[in-house]
Amino acid sequence: MIPFVLVYLLGLGSSIVFQSNVPVAIALCTLTIILETVLFVTFVVRRFPKKIREEMICP
């Protein structure tokens, strides 16, 4: 849970710092979303056995 919150807070803080530069803010938001997705996928892969992962992906 801590990495999720840290990535979110870092993305929020950096987008506030660069709010006047729209392309940089959009890139930071995109990077934050990608990092959150990677964290979620690695969490699911580590936490759940293969059988449950397959049921979650293709029910």
PDB file of N, CA and C in Angstrom:
ATOM      1  N   MET A   1       0.813  -1.191   0.000  1.00  0.00           N
ATOM      2  CA  MET A   1       0.000   0.000   0.000  1.00  0.00           C
ATOM      3  C   MET A   1       0.864   1.267   0.000  1.00  0.00           C
ATOM      4  N   ILE A   2       1.979   1.206   0.667  1.00  0.00           N
ATOM      5  CA  ILE A   2       2.849   2.378   0.755  1.00  0.00           C
ATOM      6  C   ILE A   2       3.388   2.796  -0.613  1.00  0.00           C
ATOM      7  N   PRO A   3       3.865   1.881  -1.460  1.00  0.00           N
ATOM      8  CA  PRO A   3       4.335   2.321  -2.783  1.00  0.00           C
ATOM      9  C   PRO A   3       3.244   3.000  -3.614  1.00  0.00           C
ATOM     10  N   PHE A   4       2.005   2.512  -3.521  1.00  0.00           N
ATOM     11  CA  PHE A   4       0.911   3.139  -4.258  1.00  0.00           C
ATOM     12  C   PHE A   4       0.736   4.596  -3.826  1.00  0.00           C
ATOM     13  N   VAL A   5       0.710   4.804  -2.515  1.00  0.00           N
ATOM     14  CA  VAL A   5       0.514   6.151  -1.982  1.00  0.00           C
ATOM     15  C   VAL A   5       1.696   7.048  -2.329  1.00  0.00           C
ATOM     16  N   LEU A   6       2.914   6.509  -2.235  1.00  0.00           N
ATOM     17  CA  LEU A   6       4.089   7.317  -2.558  1.00  0.00           C
ATOM     18  C   LEU A   6       4.104   7.741  -4.026  1.00  0.00           C
ATOM     19  N   VAL A   7       3.802   6.822  -4.923  1.00  0.00           N
ATOM     20  CA  VAL A   7       3.772   7.172  -6.347  1.00  0.00           C
ATOM     21  C   VAL A   7       2.688   8.216  -6.604  1.00  0.00           C
ATOM     22  N   TYR A   8       1.536   8.037  -5.974  1.00  0.00           N
ATOM     23  CA  TYR A   8       0.449   9.000  -6.158  1.00  0.00           C
ATOM     24  C   TYR A   8       0.856  10.383  -5.636  1.00  0.00           C
ATOM     25  N   LEU A   9       1.429  10.446  -4.442  1.00  0.00           N
ATOM     26  CA  LEU A   9       1.828  11.730  -3.867  1.00  0.00           C
ATOM     27  C   LEU A   9       2.954  12.387  -4.669  1.00  0.00           C
ATOM     28  N   LEU A  10       3.906  11.594  -5.144  1.00  0.00           N
ATOM     29  CA  LEU A  10       4.966  12.157  -5.980  1.00  0.00           C
ATOM     30  C   LEU A  10       4.407  12.698  -7.298  1.00  0.00           C
ATOM     31  N   GLY A  11       3.478  11.975  -7.892  1.00  0.00           N
ATOM     32  CA  GLY A  11       2.844  12.446  -9.122  1.00  0.00           C
ATOM     33  C   GLY A  11       2.033  13.717  -8.889  1.00  0.00           C
ATOM     34  N   LEU A  12       1.315  13.745  -7.783  1.00  0.00           N
ATOM     35  CA  LEU A  12       0.530  14.925  -7.453  1.00  0.00           C
ATOM     36  C   LEU A  12       1.426  16.131  -7.194  1.00  0.00           C
ATOM     37  N   GLY A  13       2.461  15.930  -6.392  1.00  0.00           N
ATOM     38  CA  GLY A  13       3.374  17.026  -6.075  1.00  0.00           C
ATOM     39  C   GLY A  13       4.098  17.556  -7.295  1.00  0.00           C
ATOM     40  N   SER A  14       4.574  16.659  -8.133  1.00  0.00           N
ATOM     41  CA  SER A  14       5.295  17.114  -9.321  1.00  0.00           C
ATOM     42  C   SER A  14       4.362  17.772 -10.331  1.00  0.00           C
ATOM     43  N   SER A  15       3.116  17.325 -10.421  1.00  0.00           N
ATOM     44  CA  SER A  15       2.184  17.983 -11.342  1.00  0.00           C
ATOM     45  C   SER A  15       1.783  19.364 -10.822  1.00  0.00           C
ATOM     46  N   ILE A  16       1.765  19.542  -9.507  1.00  0.00           N
ATOM     47  CA  ILE A  16       1.498  20.874  -8.957  1.00  0.00           C
ATOM     48  C   ILE A  16       2.668  21.805  -9.244  1.00  0.00           C
ATOM     49  N   VAL A  17       3.876  21.290  -9.117  1.00  0.00           N
ATOM     50  CA  VAL A  17       5.061  22.110  -9.392  1.00  0.00           C
ATOM     51  C   VAL A  17       5.092  22.553 -10.854  1.00  0.00           C
ATOM     52  N   PHE A  18       4.735  21.650 -11.769  1.00  0.00           N
ATOM     53  CA  PHE A  18       4.804  21.946 -13.198  1.00  0.00           C
ATOM     54  C   PHE A  18       3.431  22.267 -13.789  1.00  0.00           C
ATOM     55  N   GLN A  19       2.522  22.817 -13.009  1.00  0.00           N
ATOM     56  CA  GLN A  19       1.165  23.061 -13.502  1.00  0.00           C
ATOM     57  C   GLN A  19       1.103  24.114 -14.596  1.00  0.00           C
ATOM     58  N   SER A  20       2.074  25.001 -14.655  1.00  0.00           N
ATOM     59  CA  SER A  20       2.042  26.025 -15.706  1.00  0.00           C
ATOM     60  C   SER A  20       2.519  25.477 -17.058  1.00  0.00           C
ATOM     61  N   ASN A  21       3.226  24.347 -17.038  1.00  0.00           N
ATOM     62  CA  ASN A  21       3.716  23.731 -18.267  1.00  0.00           C
ATOM     63  C   ASN A  21       2.843  22.500 -18.563  1.00  0.00           C
ATOM     64  N   VAL A  22       1.848  22.692 -19.412  1.00  0.00           N
ATOM     65  CA  VAL A  22       0.844  21.655 -19.647  1.00  0.00           C
ATOM     66  C   VAL A  22       1.423  20.355 -20.209  1.00  0.00           C
ATOM     67  N   PRO A  23       2.309  20.378 -21.206  1.00  0.00           N
ATOM     68  CA  PRO A  23       2.841  19.102 -21.710  1.00  0.00           C
ATOM     69  C   PRO A  23       3.595  18.302 -20.644  1.00  0.00           C
ATOM     70  N   VAL A  24       4.323  18.986 -19.790  1.00  0.00           N
ATOM     71  CA  VAL A  24       5.047  18.287 -18.718  1.00  0.00           C
ATOM     72  C   VAL A  24       4.056  17.705 -17.716  1.00  0.00           C
ATOM     73  N   ALA A  25       3.010  18.451 -17.375  1.00  0.00           N
ATOM     74  CA  ALA A  25       1.998  17.960 -16.441  1.00  0.00           C
ATOM     75  C   ALA A  25       1.288  16.726 -17.000  1.00  0.00           C
ATOM     76  N   ILE A  26       0.984  16.743 -18.286  1.00  0.00           N
ATOM     77  CA  ILE A  26       0.338  15.584 -18.910  1.00  0.00           C
ATOM     78  C   ILE A  26       1.281  14.384 -18.905  1.00  0.00           C
ATOM     79  N   ALA A  27       2.550  14.612 -19.199  1.00  0.00           N
ATOM     80  CA  ALA A  27       3.530  13.522 -19.176  1.00  0.00           C
ATOM     81  C   ALA A  27       3.671  12.955 -17.766  1.00  0.00           C
ATOM     82  N   LEU A  28       3.667  13.808 -16.755  1.00  0.00           N
ATOM     83  CA  LEU A  28       3.772  13.335 -15.376  1.00  0.00           C
ATOM     84  C   LEU A  28       2.541  12.532 -14.961  1.00  0.00           C
ATOM     85  N   CYS A  29       1.370  12.977 -15.381  1.00  0.00           N
ATOM     86  CA  CYS A  29       0.147  12.219 -15.080  1.00  0.00           C
ATOM     87  C   CYS A  29       0.167  10.854 -15.761  1.00  0.00           C
ATOM     88  N   THR A  30       0.618  10.832 -16.996  1.00  0.00           N
ATOM     89  CA  THR A  30       0.716   9.562 -17.723  1.00  0.00           C
ATOM     90  C   THR A  30       1.712   8.625 -17.049  1.00  0.00           C
ATOM     91  N   LEU A  31       2.849   9.156 -16.664  1.00  0.00           N
ATOM     92  CA  LEU A  31       3.858   8.351 -15.978  1.00  0.00           C
ATOM     93  C   LEU A  31       3.333   7.820 -14.646  1.00  0.00           C
ATOM     94  N   THR A  32       2.600   8.644 -13.923  1.00  0.00           N
ATOM     95  CA  THR A  32       2.021   8.205 -12.653  1.00  0.00           C
ATOM     96  C   THR A  32       1.037   7.062 -12.872  1.00  0.00           C
ATOM     97  N   ILE A  33       0.195   7.164 -13.883  1.00  0.00           N
ATOM     98  CA  ILE A  33      -0.773   6.104 -14.174  1.00  0.00           C
ATOM     99  C   ILE A  33      -0.056   4.817 -14.570  1.00  0.00           C
ATOM    100  N   ILE A  34       0.987   4.931 -15.378  1.00  0.00           N
ATOM    101  CA  ILE A  34       1.742   3.742 -15.791  1.00  0.00           C
ATOM    102  C   ILE A  34       2.403   3.083 -14.585  1.00  0.00           C
ATOM    103  N   LEU A  35       3.013   3.880 -13.713  1.00  0.00           N
ATOM    104  CA  LEU A  35       3.663   3.316 -12.522  1.00  0.00           C
ATOM    105  C   LEU A  35       2.653   2.663 -11.586  1.00  0.00           C
ATOM    106  N   GLU A  36       1.492   3.275 -11.408  1.00  0.00           N
ATOM    107  CA  GLU A  36       0.455   2.671 -10.569  1.00  0.00           C
ATOM    108  C   GLU A  36      -0.010   1.336 -11.161  1.00  0.00           C
ATOM    109  N   THR A  37      -0.145   1.270 -12.475  1.00  0.00           N
ATOM    110  CA  THR A  37      -0.556   0.032 -13.126  1.00  0.00           C
ATOM    111  C   THR A  37       0.497  -1.051 -12.958  1.00  0.00           C
ATOM    112  N   VAL A  38       1.761  -0.694 -13.124  1.00  0.00           N
ATOM    113  CA  VAL A  38       2.849  -1.663 -12.941  1.00  0.00           C
ATOM    114  C   VAL A  38       2.869  -2.169 -11.501  1.00  0.00           C
ATOM    115  N   LEU A  39       2.701  -1.276 -10.542  1.00  0.00           N
ATOM    116  CA  LEU A  39       2.662  -1.704  -9.144  1.00  0.00           C
ATOM    117  C   LEU A  39       1.505  -2.653  -8.884  1.00  0.00           C
ATOM    118  N   PHE A  40       0.347  -2.360  -9.456  1.00  0.00           N
ATOM    119  CA  PHE A  40      -0.816  -3.224  -9.255  1.00  0.00           C
ATOM    120  C   PHE A  40      -0.602  -4.604  -9.863  1.00  0.00           C
ATOM    121  N   VAL A  41      -0.080  -4.641 -11.075  1.00  0.00           N
ATOM    122  CA  VAL A  41       0.140  -5.930 -11.740  1.00  0.00           C
ATOM    123  C   VAL A  41       1.171  -6.761 -10.989  1.00  0.00           C
ATOM    124  N   THR A  42       2.267  -6.137 -10.554  1.00  0.00           N
ATOM    125  CA  THR A  42       3.263  -6.898  -9.790  1.00  0.00           C
ATOM    126  C   THR A  42       2.700  -7.376  -8.461  1.00  0.00           C
ATOM    127  N   PHE A  43       1.812  -6.587  -7.856  1.00  0.00           N
ATOM    128  CA  PHE A  43       1.160  -7.026  -6.620  1.00  0.00           C
ATOM    129  C   PHE A  43       0.309  -8.259  -6.861  1.00  0.00           C
ATOM    130  N   VAL A  44      -0.480  -8.244  -7.939  1.00  0.00           N
ATOM    131  CA  VAL A  44      -1.355  -9.382  -8.244  1.00  0.00           C
ATOM    132  C   VAL A  44      -0.528 -10.610  -8.562  1.00  0.00           C
ATOM    133  N   VAL A  45       0.545 -10.442  -9.320  1.00  0.00           N
ATOM    134  CA  VAL A  45       1.374 -11.590  -9.702  1.00  0.00           C
ATOM    135  C   VAL A  45       2.032 -12.214  -8.472  1.00  0.00           C
ATOM    136  N   ARG A  46       2.489 -11.397  -7.565  1.00  0.00           N
ATOM    137  CA  ARG A  46       3.151 -11.932  -6.364  1.00  0.00           C
ATOM    138  C   ARG A  46       2.167 -12.490  -5.350  1.00  0.00           C
ATOM    139  N   ARG A  47       0.996 -11.902  -5.256  1.00  0.00           N
ATOM    140  CA  ARG A  47       0.080 -12.221  -4.167  1.00  0.00           C
ATOM    141  C   ARG A  47      -0.784 -13.453  -4.438  1.00  0.00           C
ATOM    142  N   PHE A  48      -1.249 -13.599  -5.671  1.00  0.00           N
ATOM    143  CA  PHE A  48      -2.210 -14.651  -5.953  1.00  0.00           C
ATOM    144  C   PHE A  48      -1.585 -15.782  -6.745  1.00  0.00           C
ATOM    145  N   PRO A  49      -2.015 -17.008  -6.472  1.00  0.00           N
ATOM    146  CA  PRO A  49      -1.523 -18.151  -7.256  1.00  0.00           C
ATOM    147  C   PRO A  49      -1.994 -18.063  -8.711  1.00  0.00           C
ATOM    148  N   LYS A  50      -1.352 -18.856  -9.554  1.00  0.00           N
ATOM    149  CA  LYS A  50      -1.611 -18.807 -10.996  1.00  0.00           C
ATOM    150  C   LYS A  50      -3.068 -19.099 -11.326  1.00  0.00           C
ATOM    151  N   LYS A  51      -3.676 -20.054 -10.662  1.00  0.00           N
ATOM    152  CA  LYS A  51      -5.067 -20.422 -10.938  1.00  0.00           C
ATOM    153  C   LYS A  51      -6.002 -19.246 -10.699  1.00  0.00           C
ATOM    154  N   ILE A  52      -5.827 -18.548  -9.604  1.00  0.00           N
ATOM    155  CA  ILE A  52      -6.694 -17.407  -9.295  1.00  0.00           C
ATOM    156  C   ILE A  52      -6.444 -16.268 -10.276  1.00  0.00           C
ATOM    157  N   ARG A  53      -5.166 -16.032 -10.645  1.00  0.00           N
ATOM    158  CA  ARG A  53      -4.853 -14.974 -11.618  1.00  0.00           C
ATOM    159  C   ARG A  53      -5.551 -15.234 -12.935  1.00  0.00           C
ATOM    160  N   GLU A  54      -5.554 -16.489 -13.388  1.00  0.00           N
ATOM    161  CA  GLU A  54      -6.222 -16.822 -14.644  1.00  0.00           C
ATOM    162  C   GLU A  54      -7.712 -16.574 -14.546  1.00  0.00           C
ATOM    163  N   GLU A  55      -8.314 -16.874 -13.404  1.00  0.00           N
ATOM    164  CA  GLU A  55      -9.744 -16.628 -13.227  1.00  0.00           C
ATOM    165  C   GLU A  55     -10.041 -15.136 -13.177  1.00  0.00           C
ATOM    166  N   MET A  56      -9.119 -14.349 -12.629  1.00  0.00           N
ATOM    167  CA  MET A  56      -9.317 -12.901 -12.555  1.00  0.00           C
ATOM    168  C   MET A  56      -9.229 -12.271 -13.949  1.00  0.00           C
ATOM    169  N   ILE A  57      -8.310 -12.777 -14.779  1.00  0.00           N
ATOM    170  CA  ILE A  57      -8.108 -12.209 -16.104  1.00  0.00           C
ATOM    171  C   ILE A  57      -9.171 -12.693 -17.077  1.00  0.00           C
ATOM    172  N   CYS A  58      -9.422 -13.993 -17.104  1.00  0.00           N
ATOM    173  CA  CYS A  58     -10.407 -14.572 -18.034  1.00  0.00           C
ATOM    174  C   CYS A  58     -11.434 -15.368 -17.237  1.00  0.00           C
ATOM    175  N   PRO A  59     -12.458 -14.694 -16.736  1.00  0.00           N
ATOM    176  CA  PRO A  59     -13.448 -15.420 -15.895  1.00  0.00           C
ATOM    177  C   PRO A  59     -14.285 -16.397 -16.667  1.00  0.00           C
TER     178      PRO A  59
END
